[in-house]
Amino acid sequence: GQIRVAAQILKDEQFGGADEEYAAYER
């Protein structure tokens, strides 16, 4: 749910690069 909300607000912006820990979590 949180990921969907962020994607809707930020549109097509890739925000994984804003935090290395989050990028690792996505992997």
PDB file of all heavy atoms in Angstrom:
ATOM      1  N   GLY A   1       0.816  -1.209   0.000  1.00  0.00           N
ATOM      2  CA  GLY A   1       0.000   0.000   0.000  1.00  0.00           C
ATOM      3  C   GLY A   1       0.848   1.256   0.000  1.00  0.00           C
ATOM      4  O   GLY A   1       0.580   2.210  -0.748  1.00  0.00           O
ATOM      5  N   GLN A   2       1.903   1.283   0.846  1.00  0.00           N
ATOM      6  CA  GLN A   2       2.774   2.451   0.891  1.00  0.00           C
ATOM      7  C   GLN A   2       3.513   2.649  -0.435  1.00  0.00           C
ATOM      8  O   GLN A   2       3.703   3.773  -0.905  1.00  0.00           O
ATOM      9  CB  GLN A   2       3.781   2.306   2.045  1.00  0.00           C
ATOM     10  CG  GLN A   2       3.169   2.394   3.444  1.00  0.00           C
ATOM     11  CD  GLN A   2       2.627   3.773   3.755  1.00  0.00           C
ATOM     12  OE1 GLN A   2       2.832   4.738   3.000  1.00  0.00           O
ATOM     13  NE2 GLN A   2       1.901   3.885   4.841  1.00  0.00           N
ATOM     14  N   ILE A   3       3.934   1.560  -1.050  1.00  0.00           N
ATOM     15  CA  ILE A   3       4.635   1.666  -2.337  1.00  0.00           C
ATOM     16  C   ILE A   3       3.698   2.204  -3.415  1.00  0.00           C
ATOM     17  O   ILE A   3       4.088   3.050  -4.234  1.00  0.00           O
ATOM     18  CB  ILE A   3       5.222   0.299  -2.737  1.00  0.00           C
ATOM     19  CG1 ILE A   3       6.348  -0.087  -1.769  1.00  0.00           C
ATOM     20  CG2 ILE A   3       5.742   0.329  -4.167  1.00  0.00           C
ATOM     21  CD1 ILE A   3       6.912  -1.469  -1.991  1.00  0.00           C
ATOM     22  N   ARG A   4       2.453   1.742  -3.427  1.00  0.00           N
ATOM     23  CA  ARG A   4       1.489   2.243  -4.407  1.00  0.00           C
ATOM     24  C   ARG A   4       1.227   3.720  -4.225  1.00  0.00           C
ATOM     25  O   ARG A   4       1.157   4.478  -5.201  1.00  0.00           O
ATOM     26  CB  ARG A   4       0.183   1.454  -4.309  1.00  0.00           C
ATOM     27  CG  ARG A   4       0.219   0.102  -4.933  1.00  0.00           C
ATOM     28  CD  ARG A   4      -1.175  -0.442  -5.153  1.00  0.00           C
ATOM     29  NE  ARG A   4      -1.914  -0.514  -3.893  1.00  0.00           N
ATOM     30  CZ  ARG A   4      -1.899  -1.555  -3.080  1.00  0.00           C
ATOM     31  NH1 ARG A   4      -1.174  -2.621  -3.366  1.00  0.00           N
ATOM     32  NH2 ARG A   4      -2.614  -1.550  -1.971  1.00  0.00           N
ATOM     33  N   VAL A   5       1.061   4.162  -2.964  1.00  0.00           N
ATOM     34  CA  VAL A   5       0.820   5.578  -2.696  1.00  0.00           C
ATOM     35  C   VAL A   5       1.995   6.427  -3.184  1.00  0.00           C
ATOM     36  O   VAL A   5       1.820   7.455  -3.839  1.00  0.00           O
ATOM     37  CB  VAL A   5       0.574   5.805  -1.198  1.00  0.00           C
ATOM     38  CG1 VAL A   5       0.559   7.301  -0.875  1.00  0.00           C
ATOM     39  CG2 VAL A   5      -0.742   5.180  -0.768  1.00  0.00           C
ATOM     40  N   ALA A   6       3.213   5.987  -2.875  1.00  0.00           N
ATOM     41  CA  ALA A   6       4.397   6.740  -3.303  1.00  0.00           C
ATOM     42  C   ALA A   6       4.476   6.808  -4.824  1.00  0.00           C
ATOM     43  O   ALA A   6       4.791   7.857  -5.402  1.00  0.00           O
ATOM     44  CB  ALA A   6       5.652   6.090  -2.731  1.00  0.00           C
ATOM     45  N   ALA A   7       4.179   5.678  -5.498  1.00  0.00           N
ATOM     46  CA  ALA A   7       4.239   5.647  -6.953  1.00  0.00           C
ATOM     47  C   ALA A   7       3.200   6.573  -7.584  1.00  0.00           C
ATOM     48  O   ALA A   7       3.462   7.234  -8.592  1.00  0.00           O
ATOM     49  CB  ALA A   7       4.060   4.219  -7.461  1.00  0.00           C
ATOM     50  N   GLN A   8       2.020   6.646  -6.983  1.00  0.00           N
ATOM     51  CA  GLN A   8       0.975   7.516  -7.515  1.00  0.00           C
ATOM     52  C   GLN A   8       1.324   8.985  -7.348  1.00  0.00           C
ATOM     53  O   GLN A   8       1.077   9.804  -8.241  1.00  0.00           O
ATOM     54  CB  GLN A   8      -0.350   7.209  -6.833  1.00  0.00           C
ATOM     55  CG  GLN A   8      -0.933   5.858  -7.206  1.00  0.00           C
ATOM     56  CD  GLN A   8      -2.175   5.516  -6.412  1.00  0.00           C
ATOM     57  OE1 GLN A   8      -2.606   6.302  -5.576  1.00  0.00           O
ATOM     58  NE2 GLN A   8      -2.748   4.360  -6.665  1.00  0.00           N
ATOM     59  N   ILE A   9       1.891   9.340  -6.187  1.00  0.00           N
ATOM     60  CA  ILE A   9       2.213  10.743  -5.931  1.00  0.00           C
ATOM     61  C   ILE A   9       3.429  11.183  -6.741  1.00  0.00           C
ATOM     62  O   ILE A   9       3.452  12.256  -7.346  1.00  0.00           O
ATOM     63  CB  ILE A   9       2.439  10.974  -4.433  1.00  0.00           C
ATOM     64  CG1 ILE A   9       1.130  10.751  -3.659  1.00  0.00           C
ATOM     65  CG2 ILE A   9       2.953  12.383  -4.160  1.00  0.00           C
ATOM     66  CD1 ILE A   9       1.259  10.845  -2.165  1.00  0.00           C
ATOM     67  N   LEU A  10       4.451  10.333  -6.772  1.00  0.00           N
ATOM     68  CA  LEU A  10       5.689  10.681  -7.464  1.00  0.00           C
ATOM     69  C   LEU A  10       5.658  10.333  -8.945  1.00  0.00           C
ATOM     70  O   LEU A  10       6.654  10.547  -9.644  1.00  0.00           O
ATOM     71  CB  LEU A  10       6.870   9.973  -6.781  1.00  0.00           C
ATOM     72  CG  LEU A  10       7.092  10.335  -5.300  1.00  0.00           C
ATOM     73  CD1 LEU A  10       8.205   9.508  -4.715  1.00  0.00           C
ATOM     74  CD2 LEU A  10       7.375  11.818  -5.131  1.00  0.00           C
ATOM     75  N   LYS A  11       4.545   9.802  -9.423  1.00  0.00           N
ATOM     76  CA  LYS A  11       4.372   9.416 -10.829  1.00  0.00           C
ATOM     77  C   LYS A  11       5.421   8.379 -11.224  1.00  0.00           C
ATOM     78  O   LYS A  11       5.583   7.355 -10.588  1.00  0.00           O
ATOM     79  CB  LYS A  11       4.429  10.666 -11.727  1.00  0.00           C
ATOM     80  CG  LYS A  11       3.446  11.748 -11.342  1.00  0.00           C
ATOM     81  CD  LYS A  11       2.090  11.441 -11.627  1.00  0.00           C
ATOM     82  CE  LYS A  11       1.149  12.577 -11.269  1.00  0.00           C
ATOM     83  NZ  LYS A  11      -0.229  12.151 -11.328  1.00  0.00           N
ATOM     84  N   ASP A  12       6.152   8.657 -12.274  1.00  0.00           N
ATOM     85  CA  ASP A  12       7.116   7.703 -12.811  1.00  0.00           C
ATOM     86  C   ASP A  12       8.512   7.870 -12.217  1.00  0.00           C
ATOM     87  O   ASP A  12       9.465   7.239 -12.680  1.00  0.00           O
ATOM     88  CB  ASP A  12       7.188   7.837 -14.337  1.00  0.00           C
ATOM     89  CG  ASP A  12       5.852   7.498 -15.005  1.00  0.00           C
ATOM     90  OD1 ASP A  12       5.107   6.682 -14.423  1.00  0.00           O
ATOM     91  OD2 ASP A  12       5.580   8.042 -16.083  1.00  0.00           O
ATOM     92  N   GLU A  13       8.657   8.729 -11.225  1.00  0.00           N
ATOM     93  CA  GLU A  13       9.972   8.987 -10.652  1.00  0.00           C
ATOM     94  C   GLU A  13      10.493   7.752  -9.926  1.00  0.00           C
ATOM     95  O   GLU A  13       9.785   7.117  -9.134  1.00  0.00           O
ATOM     96  CB  GLU A  13       9.918  10.163  -9.687  1.00  0.00           C
ATOM     97  CG  GLU A  13      11.285  10.507  -9.112  1.00  0.00           C
ATOM     98  CD  GLU A  13      11.213  11.741  -8.213  1.00  0.00           C
ATOM     99  OE1 GLU A  13      10.181  12.417  -8.234  1.00  0.00           O
ATOM    100  OE2 GLU A  13      12.217  12.003  -7.528  1.00  0.00           O
ATOM    101  N   GLN A  14      11.729   7.355 -10.169  1.00  0.00           N
ATOM    102  CA  GLN A  14      12.384   6.269  -9.484  1.00  0.00           C
ATOM    103  C   GLN A  14      13.041   6.803  -8.218  1.00  0.00           C
ATOM    104  O   GLN A  14      13.984   7.576  -8.281  1.00  0.00           O
ATOM    105  CB  GLN A  14      13.428   5.611 -10.396  1.00  0.00           C
ATOM    106  CG  GLN A  14      12.864   4.995 -11.654  1.00  0.00           C
ATOM    107  CD  GLN A  14      11.945   3.813 -11.362  1.00  0.00           C
ATOM    108  OE1 GLN A  14      12.201   3.049 -10.418  1.00  0.00           O
ATOM    109  NE2 GLN A  14      10.878   3.682 -12.152  1.00  0.00           N
ATOM    110  N   PHE A  15      12.506   6.420  -7.083  1.00  0.00           N
ATOM    111  CA  PHE A  15      13.003   6.968  -5.834  1.00  0.00           C
ATOM    112  C   PHE A  15      13.879   6.000  -5.052  1.00  0.00           C
ATOM    113  O   PHE A  15      14.277   6.271  -3.936  1.00  0.00           O
ATOM    114  CB  PHE A  15      11.847   7.432  -4.943  1.00  0.00           C
ATOM    115  CG  PHE A  15      10.812   6.372  -4.663  1.00  0.00           C
ATOM    116  CD1 PHE A  15      10.899   5.591  -3.540  1.00  0.00           C
ATOM    117  CD2 PHE A  15       9.770   6.176  -5.540  1.00  0.00           C
ATOM    118  CE1 PHE A  15       9.953   4.633  -3.278  1.00  0.00           C
ATOM    119  CE2 PHE A  15       8.818   5.203  -5.262  1.00  0.00           C
ATOM    120  CZ  PHE A  15       8.905   4.443  -4.144  1.00  0.00           C
ATOM    121  N   GLY A  16      14.199   4.858  -5.615  1.00  0.00           N
ATOM    122  CA  GLY A  16      15.064   3.922  -4.917  1.00  0.00           C
ATOM    123  C   GLY A  16      16.458   4.463  -4.698  1.00  0.00           C
ATOM    124  O   GLY A  16      17.135   4.148  -3.712  1.00  0.00           O
ATOM    125  N   GLY A  17      16.919   5.293  -5.626  1.00  0.00           N
ATOM    126  CA  GLY A  17      18.255   5.844  -5.491  1.00  0.00           C
ATOM    127  C   GLY A  17      18.399   6.855  -4.377  1.00  0.00           C
ATOM    128  O   GLY A  17      19.512   7.259  -4.037  1.00  0.00           O
ATOM    129  N   ALA A  18      17.310   7.314  -3.799  1.00  0.00           N
ATOM    130  CA  ALA A  18      17.390   8.292  -2.717  1.00  0.00           C
ATOM    131  C   ALA A  18      17.919   7.683  -1.427  1.00  0.00           C
ATOM    132  O   ALA A  18      18.316   8.412  -0.516  1.00  0.00           O
ATOM    133  CB  ALA A  18      16.011   8.919  -2.473  1.00  0.00           C
ATOM    134  N   ASP A  19      17.937   6.350  -1.320  1.00  0.00           N
ATOM    135  CA  ASP A  19      18.400   5.685  -0.106  1.00  0.00           C
ATOM    136  C   ASP A  19      18.962   4.321  -0.481  1.00  0.00           C
ATOM    137  O   ASP A  19      18.268   3.490  -1.069  1.00  0.00           O
ATOM    138  CB  ASP A  19      17.258   5.541   0.906  1.00  0.00           C
ATOM    139  CG  ASP A  19      17.725   4.929   2.210  1.00  0.00           C
ATOM    140  OD1 ASP A  19      18.636   5.472   2.822  1.00  0.00           O
ATOM    141  OD2 ASP A  19      17.169   3.899   2.590  1.00  0.00           O
ATOM    142  N   GLU A  20      20.237   4.080  -0.169  1.00  0.00           N
ATOM    143  CA  GLU A  20      20.876   2.825  -0.529  1.00  0.00           C
ATOM    144  C   GLU A  20      20.233   1.643   0.200  1.00  0.00           C
ATOM    145  O   GLU A  20      20.114   0.565  -0.367  1.00  0.00           O
ATOM    146  CB  GLU A  20      22.366   2.896  -0.214  1.00  0.00           C
ATOM    147  CG  GLU A  20      23.133   3.897  -1.058  1.00  0.00           C
ATOM    148  CD  GLU A  20      24.614   3.904  -0.732  1.00  0.00           C
ATOM    149  OE1 GLU A  20      25.015   3.157   0.195  1.00  0.00           O
ATOM    150  OE2 GLU A  20      25.374   4.651  -1.384  1.00  0.00           O
ATOM    151  N   GLU A  21      19.845   1.864   1.461  1.00  0.00           N
ATOM    152  CA  GLU A  21      19.210   0.786   2.213  1.00  0.00           C
ATOM    153  C   GLU A  21      17.903   0.361   1.551  1.00  0.00           C
ATOM    154  O   GLU A  21      17.584  -0.831   1.478  1.00  0.00           O
ATOM    155  CB  GLU A  21      18.950   1.211   3.650  1.00  0.00           C
ATOM    156  CG  GLU A  21      20.200   1.346   4.484  1.00  0.00           C
ATOM    157  CD  GLU A  21      19.879   1.717   5.916  1.00  0.00           C
ATOM    158  OE1 GLU A  21      19.660   2.910   6.184  1.00  0.00           O
ATOM    159  OE2 GLU A  21      19.846   0.822   6.755  1.00  0.00           O
ATOM    160  N   TYR A  22      17.133   1.346   1.073  1.00  0.00           N
ATOM    161  CA  TYR A  22      15.887   1.007   0.404  1.00  0.00           C
ATOM    162  C   TYR A  22      16.150   0.265  -0.912  1.00  0.00           C
ATOM    163  O   TYR A  22      15.449  -0.676  -1.269  1.00  0.00           O
ATOM    164  CB  TYR A  22      15.050   2.250   0.136  1.00  0.00           C
ATOM    165  CG  TYR A  22      13.775   1.939  -0.619  1.00  0.00           C
ATOM    166  CD1 TYR A  22      12.712   1.328   0.026  1.00  0.00           C
ATOM    167  CD2 TYR A  22      13.660   2.226  -1.962  1.00  0.00           C
ATOM    168  CE1 TYR A  22      11.546   1.019  -0.660  1.00  0.00           C
ATOM    169  CE2 TYR A  22      12.501   1.918  -2.651  1.00  0.00           C
ATOM    170  CZ  TYR A  22      11.446   1.310  -2.002  1.00  0.00           C
ATOM    171  OH  TYR A  22      10.298   0.992  -2.687  1.00  0.00           O
ATOM    172  N   ALA A  23      17.199   0.681  -1.635  1.00  0.00           N
ATOM    173  CA  ALA A  23      17.538   0.000  -2.869  1.00  0.00           C
ATOM    174  C   ALA A  23      17.891  -1.465  -2.605  1.00  0.00           C
ATOM    175  O   ALA A  23      17.465  -2.370  -3.326  1.00  0.00           O
ATOM    176  CB  ALA A  23      18.698   0.724  -3.568  1.00  0.00           C
ATOM    177  N   ALA A  24      18.676  -1.700  -1.510  1.00  0.00           N
ATOM    178  CA  ALA A  24      19.007  -3.071  -1.144  1.00  0.00           C
ATOM    179  C   ALA A  24      17.763  -3.856  -0.734  1.00  0.00           C
ATOM    180  O   ALA A  24      17.620  -5.040  -1.034  1.00  0.00           O
ATOM    181  CB  ALA A  24      20.038  -3.072  -0.012  1.00  0.00           C
ATOM    182  N   TYR A  25      16.850  -3.145  -0.028  1.00  0.00           N
ATOM    183  CA  TYR A  25      15.591  -3.788   0.385  1.00  0.00           C
ATOM    184  C   TYR A  25      14.750  -4.180  -0.825  1.00  0.00           C
ATOM    185  O   TYR A  25      14.163  -5.278  -0.860  1.00  0.00           O
ATOM    186  CB  TYR A  25      14.822  -2.841   1.296  1.00  0.00           C
ATOM    187  CG  TYR A  25      13.434  -3.325   1.646  1.00  0.00           C
ATOM    188  CD1 TYR A  25      13.230  -4.446   2.429  1.00  0.00           C
ATOM    189  CD2 TYR A  25      12.304  -2.647   1.190  1.00  0.00           C
ATOM    190  CE1 TYR A  25      11.961  -4.874   2.746  1.00  0.00           C
ATOM    191  CE2 TYR A  25      11.040  -3.071   1.486  1.00  0.00           C
ATOM    192  CZ  TYR A  25      10.862  -4.187   2.279  1.00  0.00           C
ATOM    193  OH  TYR A  25       9.595  -4.606   2.590  1.00  0.00           O
ATOM    194  N   GLU A  26      14.720  -3.322  -1.843  1.00  0.00           N
ATOM    195  CA  GLU A  26      13.970  -3.636  -3.047  1.00  0.00           C
ATOM    196  C   GLU A  26      14.569  -4.854  -3.761  1.00  0.00           C
ATOM    197  O   GLU A  26      13.848  -5.691  -4.298  1.00  0.00           O
ATOM    198  CB  GLU A  26      13.948  -2.428  -3.984  1.00  0.00           C
ATOM    199  CG  GLU A  26      12.859  -1.408  -3.651  1.00  0.00           C
ATOM    200  CD  GLU A  26      11.484  -2.002  -3.827  1.00  0.00           C
ATOM    201  OE1 GLU A  26      11.219  -2.659  -4.846  1.00  0.00           O
ATOM    202  OE2 GLU A  26      10.666  -1.820  -2.921  1.00  0.00           O
ATOM    203  N   ARG A  27      15.896  -4.945  -3.731  1.00  0.00           N
ATOM    204  CA  ARG A  27      16.517  -6.120  -4.334  1.00  0.00           C
ATOM    205  C   ARG A  27      16.152  -7.386  -3.572  1.00  0.00           C
ATOM    206  O   ARG A  27      15.871  -8.423  -4.178  1.00  0.00           O
ATOM    207  CB  ARG A  27      18.043  -5.939  -4.375  1.00  0.00           C
ATOM    208  CG  ARG A  27      18.518  -4.892  -5.380  1.00  0.00           C
ATOM    209  CD  ARG A  27      20.018  -4.980  -5.593  1.00  0.00           C
ATOM    210  NE  ARG A  27      20.770  -4.625  -4.400  1.00  0.00           N
ATOM    211  CZ  ARG A  27      21.153  -3.407  -4.084  1.00  0.00           C
ATOM    212  NH1 ARG A  27      20.850  -2.375  -4.885  1.00  0.00           N
ATOM    213  NH2 ARG A  27      21.838  -3.174  -2.976  1.00  0.00           N
TER     214      ARG A  27
END
